[in-house]
Amino acid sequence: MRSRFSAFAIGDRDHILDSWHPRTRPRRLVVDDGIQWYRLDVESASGGTPFDNTGEVTFTAHYRADGERKALHQRSRFERRDGRWVYLDGTVEG
């Protein structure tokens, strides 16, 4: 989760796509370069241990866009694939 947030913050499209599950990965990724991601608050996590194959993270990602502070609150699901965690999907909340 944190590596994906960092990738969005620095615009690392390759890492974002590489850390996305192939079943749900978009063919093309559009990243808004006008957004400045600056803080990630992980609110809860379930699963994701060395003994799990799935995990879920609820977080708020804070950003600036058009001179305003904003936040994205999301519950994301991850799946272990070939020994590494990949983003499966997410639901925006609030």
N, C-alpha and C. Protein backbone atom coordinates (compact mmCIF):
# COMPACT_ATOMS: atom_id res chain seq x y z
N MET A 1 0.83 -1.19 0.00
CA MET A 1 0.00 0.00 0.00
C MET A 1 0.87 1.25 0.00
N ARG A 2 1.83 1.30 0.90
CA ARG A 2 2.67 2.50 0.98
C ARG A 2 3.52 2.68 -0.28
N SER A 3 3.97 1.58 -0.86
CA SER A 3 4.78 1.72 -2.08
C SER A 3 3.93 2.26 -3.23
N ARG A 4 2.67 1.86 -3.28
CA ARG A 4 1.79 2.38 -4.34
C ARG A 4 1.51 3.86 -4.11
N PHE A 5 1.28 4.26 -2.86
CA PHE A 5 1.08 5.68 -2.57
C PHE A 5 2.31 6.49 -2.98
N SER A 6 3.49 5.99 -2.61
CA SER A 6 4.74 6.67 -2.98
C SER A 6 4.88 6.77 -4.50
N ALA A 7 4.49 5.71 -5.19
CA ALA A 7 4.57 5.72 -6.66
C ALA A 7 3.64 6.78 -7.24
N PHE A 8 2.43 6.92 -6.69
CA PHE A 8 1.54 7.97 -7.14
C PHE A 8 2.15 9.34 -6.84
N ALA A 9 2.76 9.48 -5.65
CA ALA A 9 3.32 10.76 -5.24
C ALA A 9 4.44 11.23 -6.16
N ILE A 10 5.24 10.28 -6.66
CA ILE A 10 6.37 10.68 -7.53
C ILE A 10 6.09 10.44 -9.01
N GLY A 11 4.90 9.92 -9.31
CA GLY A 11 4.51 9.71 -10.71
C GLY A 11 5.16 8.49 -11.36
N ASP A 12 5.46 7.47 -10.56
CA ASP A 12 6.10 6.25 -11.08
C ASP A 12 5.03 5.32 -11.65
N ARG A 13 4.62 5.58 -12.88
CA ARG A 13 3.56 4.81 -13.53
C ARG A 13 3.92 3.32 -13.66
N ASP A 14 5.20 3.04 -13.92
CA ASP A 14 5.62 1.64 -14.07
C ASP A 14 5.37 0.85 -12.79
N HIS A 15 5.70 1.43 -11.63
CA HIS A 15 5.48 0.71 -10.37
C HIS A 15 3.99 0.55 -10.09
N ILE A 16 3.23 1.59 -10.38
CA ILE A 16 1.78 1.50 -10.15
C ILE A 16 1.21 0.33 -10.95
N LEU A 17 1.53 0.26 -12.22
CA LEU A 17 1.00 -0.82 -13.06
C LEU A 17 1.57 -2.18 -12.66
N ASP A 18 2.85 -2.23 -12.33
CA ASP A 18 3.49 -3.49 -11.95
C ASP A 18 2.92 -4.06 -10.65
N SER A 19 2.44 -3.18 -9.77
CA SER A 19 1.89 -3.63 -8.49
C SER A 19 0.38 -3.83 -8.54
N TRP A 20 -0.18 -3.86 -9.74
CA TRP A 20 -1.62 -4.03 -9.95
C TRP A 20 -1.87 -5.45 -10.44
N HIS A 21 -2.88 -6.10 -9.92
CA HIS A 21 -3.21 -7.46 -10.33
C HIS A 21 -3.53 -7.47 -11.83
N PRO A 22 -2.96 -8.43 -12.59
CA PRO A 22 -3.20 -8.47 -14.04
C PRO A 22 -4.68 -8.56 -14.42
N ARG A 23 -5.49 -9.17 -13.56
CA ARG A 23 -6.91 -9.34 -13.87
C ARG A 23 -7.66 -8.01 -13.84
N THR A 24 -7.21 -7.05 -13.04
CA THR A 24 -7.93 -5.78 -12.90
C THR A 24 -7.11 -4.57 -13.37
N ARG A 25 -5.89 -4.81 -13.81
CA ARG A 25 -4.99 -3.72 -14.25
C ARG A 25 -5.54 -3.07 -15.52
N PRO A 26 -5.57 -1.74 -15.54
CA PRO A 26 -6.01 -1.07 -16.78
C PRO A 26 -4.95 -1.22 -17.87
N ARG A 27 -5.38 -1.17 -19.09
CA ARG A 27 -4.43 -1.25 -20.21
C ARG A 27 -3.56 -0.01 -20.28
N ARG A 28 -4.14 1.09 -19.89
CA ARG A 28 -3.43 2.36 -19.91
C ARG A 28 -3.73 3.10 -18.62
N LEU A 29 -2.74 3.73 -18.06
CA LEU A 29 -2.90 4.45 -16.80
C LEU A 29 -2.79 5.94 -17.04
N VAL A 30 -3.78 6.65 -16.60
CA VAL A 30 -3.76 8.10 -16.67
C VAL A 30 -3.52 8.63 -15.26
N VAL A 31 -2.41 9.33 -15.08
CA VAL A 31 -2.08 9.93 -13.79
C VAL A 31 -2.14 11.44 -13.96
N ASP A 32 -2.91 12.09 -13.12
CA ASP A 32 -3.05 13.54 -13.18
C ASP A 32 -1.83 14.20 -12.55
N ASP A 33 -0.97 14.77 -13.36
CA ASP A 33 0.25 15.40 -12.86
C ASP A 33 -0.03 16.67 -12.07
N GLY A 34 -1.27 17.15 -12.09
CA GLY A 34 -1.64 18.33 -11.32
C GLY A 34 -1.98 18.02 -9.87
N ILE A 35 -2.00 16.75 -9.53
CA ILE A 35 -2.30 16.35 -8.16
C ILE A 35 -0.99 16.11 -7.42
N GLN A 36 -0.90 16.66 -6.21
CA GLN A 36 0.28 16.46 -5.37
C GLN A 36 -0.15 15.64 -4.14
N TRP A 37 0.23 14.37 -4.14
CA TRP A 37 -0.07 13.47 -3.01
C TRP A 37 0.95 13.75 -1.91
N TYR A 38 0.49 13.99 -0.67
CA TYR A 38 1.46 14.36 0.36
C TYR A 38 1.33 13.60 1.68
N ARG A 39 0.27 12.85 1.91
CA ARG A 39 0.19 12.11 3.18
C ARG A 39 -0.74 10.92 3.03
N LEU A 40 -0.35 9.81 3.65
CA LEU A 40 -1.16 8.60 3.66
C LEU A 40 -1.43 8.21 5.10
N ASP A 41 -2.70 8.05 5.45
CA ASP A 41 -3.10 7.57 6.77
C ASP A 41 -3.75 6.21 6.59
N VAL A 42 -3.09 5.16 7.07
CA VAL A 42 -3.66 3.82 7.04
C VAL A 42 -4.52 3.68 8.29
N GLU A 43 -5.81 3.46 8.10
CA GLU A 43 -6.74 3.41 9.22
C GLU A 43 -7.00 2.01 9.74
N SER A 44 -6.97 1.05 8.85
CA SER A 44 -7.14 -0.34 9.29
C SER A 44 -6.59 -1.28 8.22
N ALA A 45 -6.24 -2.46 8.67
CA ALA A 45 -5.76 -3.49 7.76
C ALA A 45 -6.21 -4.84 8.31
N SER A 46 -6.57 -5.72 7.40
CA SER A 46 -6.92 -7.09 7.80
C SER A 46 -6.27 -8.04 6.81
N GLY A 47 -5.93 -9.21 7.29
CA GLY A 47 -5.22 -10.16 6.44
C GLY A 47 -3.84 -9.61 6.14
N GLY A 48 -3.24 -10.11 5.09
CA GLY A 48 -1.96 -9.60 4.67
C GLY A 48 -0.76 -10.13 5.45
N THR A 49 -0.98 -11.14 6.29
CA THR A 49 0.12 -11.72 7.03
C THR A 49 0.86 -12.72 6.14
N PRO A 50 2.00 -13.22 6.59
CA PRO A 50 2.70 -14.23 5.79
C PRO A 50 1.87 -15.49 5.54
N PHE A 51 0.81 -15.69 6.32
CA PHE A 51 -0.03 -16.88 6.18
C PHE A 51 -1.28 -16.63 5.35
N ASP A 52 -1.49 -15.39 4.91
CA ASP A 52 -2.68 -15.02 4.14
C ASP A 52 -2.35 -14.90 2.66
N ASN A 53 -3.39 -15.04 1.85
CA ASN A 53 -3.27 -14.80 0.41
C ASN A 53 -4.03 -13.56 -0.01
N THR A 54 -4.80 -12.99 0.92
CA THR A 54 -5.54 -11.77 0.64
C THR A 54 -5.38 -10.81 1.81
N GLY A 55 -5.61 -9.55 1.54
CA GLY A 55 -5.57 -8.53 2.57
C GLY A 55 -6.41 -7.35 2.16
N GLU A 56 -6.74 -6.54 3.13
CA GLU A 56 -7.56 -5.36 2.88
C GLU A 56 -7.02 -4.20 3.70
N VAL A 57 -6.97 -3.04 3.10
CA VAL A 57 -6.46 -1.84 3.77
C VAL A 57 -7.46 -0.71 3.57
N THR A 58 -7.81 -0.04 4.65
CA THR A 58 -8.63 1.16 4.57
C THR A 58 -7.72 2.34 4.88
N PHE A 59 -7.77 3.34 4.02
CA PHE A 59 -6.84 4.45 4.17
C PHE A 59 -7.47 5.76 3.70
N THR A 60 -6.81 6.85 4.09
CA THR A 60 -7.11 8.15 3.53
C THR A 60 -5.82 8.70 2.95
N ALA A 61 -5.85 9.06 1.68
CA ALA A 61 -4.71 9.66 1.00
C ALA A 61 -5.02 11.14 0.81
N HIS A 62 -4.13 11.99 1.31
CA HIS A 62 -4.33 13.43 1.24
C HIS A 62 -3.55 13.99 0.06
N TYR A 63 -4.16 14.96 -0.61
CA TYR A 63 -3.53 15.54 -1.79
C TYR A 63 -3.96 16.98 -1.98
N ARG A 64 -3.22 17.67 -2.83
CA ARG A 64 -3.57 19.03 -3.24
C ARG A 64 -3.88 19.01 -4.73
N ALA A 65 -4.94 19.70 -5.10
CA ALA A 65 -5.32 19.84 -6.50
C ALA A 65 -5.96 21.20 -6.68
N ASP A 66 -5.53 21.90 -7.68
CA ASP A 66 -6.08 23.24 -7.97
C ASP A 66 -5.99 24.15 -6.74
N GLY A 67 -4.91 24.01 -5.98
CA GLY A 67 -4.69 24.87 -4.82
C GLY A 67 -5.52 24.51 -3.60
N GLU A 68 -6.26 23.42 -3.66
CA GLU A 68 -7.10 23.01 -2.53
C GLU A 68 -6.62 21.70 -1.95
N ARG A 69 -6.74 21.57 -0.63
CA ARG A 69 -6.44 20.29 0.03
C ARG A 69 -7.66 19.40 -0.07
N LYS A 70 -7.42 18.14 -0.43
CA LYS A 70 -8.50 17.18 -0.59
C LYS A 70 -8.05 15.84 -0.03
N ALA A 71 -8.97 14.89 0.02
CA ALA A 71 -8.64 13.56 0.54
C ALA A 71 -9.44 12.49 -0.19
N LEU A 72 -8.80 11.36 -0.35
CA LEU A 72 -9.44 10.19 -0.94
C LEU A 72 -9.50 9.12 0.14
N HIS A 73 -10.70 8.68 0.49
CA HIS A 73 -10.87 7.62 1.50
C HIS A 73 -11.28 6.36 0.75
N GLN A 74 -10.51 5.29 0.93
CA GLN A 74 -10.74 4.09 0.13
C GLN A 74 -10.46 2.83 0.94
N ARG A 75 -11.19 1.78 0.59
CA ARG A 75 -10.91 0.43 1.09
C ARG A 75 -10.37 -0.36 -0.10
N SER A 76 -9.13 -0.84 0.01
CA SER A 76 -8.47 -1.54 -1.09
C SER A 76 -8.25 -3.00 -0.74
N ARG A 77 -8.39 -3.84 -1.75
CA ARG A 77 -8.12 -5.26 -1.57
C ARG A 77 -6.84 -5.62 -2.31
N PHE A 78 -6.05 -6.47 -1.66
CA PHE A 78 -4.79 -6.94 -2.22
C PHE A 78 -4.77 -8.45 -2.24
N GLU A 79 -3.99 -9.01 -3.14
CA GLU A 79 -3.86 -10.46 -3.26
C GLU A 79 -2.40 -10.82 -3.46
N ARG A 80 -2.00 -11.90 -2.83
CA ARG A 80 -0.63 -12.36 -3.03
C ARG A 80 -0.58 -13.12 -4.36
N ARG A 81 0.35 -12.74 -5.20
CA ARG A 81 0.49 -13.37 -6.52
C ARG A 81 1.97 -13.59 -6.77
N ASP A 82 2.34 -14.84 -6.98
CA ASP A 82 3.75 -15.19 -7.20
C ASP A 82 4.64 -14.65 -6.09
N GLY A 83 4.14 -14.72 -4.85
CA GLY A 83 4.95 -14.34 -3.70
C GLY A 83 4.96 -12.87 -3.36
N ARG A 84 4.25 -12.03 -4.12
CA ARG A 84 4.24 -10.61 -3.80
C ARG A 84 2.81 -10.08 -3.79
N TRP A 85 2.61 -9.02 -3.03
CA TRP A 85 1.29 -8.43 -2.90
C TRP A 85 1.01 -7.49 -4.06
N VAL A 86 -0.19 -7.63 -4.64
CA VAL A 86 -0.61 -6.76 -5.73
C VAL A 86 -2.01 -6.22 -5.42
N TYR A 87 -2.25 -5.02 -5.90
CA TYR A 87 -3.54 -4.35 -5.72
C TYR A 87 -4.58 -5.02 -6.61
N LEU A 88 -5.71 -5.41 -6.01
CA LEU A 88 -6.77 -6.06 -6.76
C LEU A 88 -7.83 -5.03 -7.17
N ASP A 89 -8.40 -4.35 -6.18
CA ASP A 89 -9.41 -3.33 -6.46
C ASP A 89 -9.67 -2.51 -5.21
N GLY A 90 -10.47 -1.49 -5.38
CA GLY A 90 -10.78 -0.62 -4.23
C GLY A 90 -12.14 0.00 -4.36
N THR A 91 -12.66 0.40 -3.22
CA THR A 91 -13.96 1.07 -3.15
C THR A 91 -13.77 2.41 -2.45
N VAL A 92 -14.13 3.46 -3.14
CA VAL A 92 -14.05 4.80 -2.54
C VAL A 92 -15.19 4.92 -1.54
N GLU A 93 -14.85 5.43 -0.36
CA GLU A 93 -15.85 5.56 0.70
C GLU A 93 -16.05 7.03 1.02
N GLY A 94 -17.25 7.32 1.52
CA GLY A 94 -17.53 8.68 1.97
C GLY A 94 -17.79 9.56 0.89
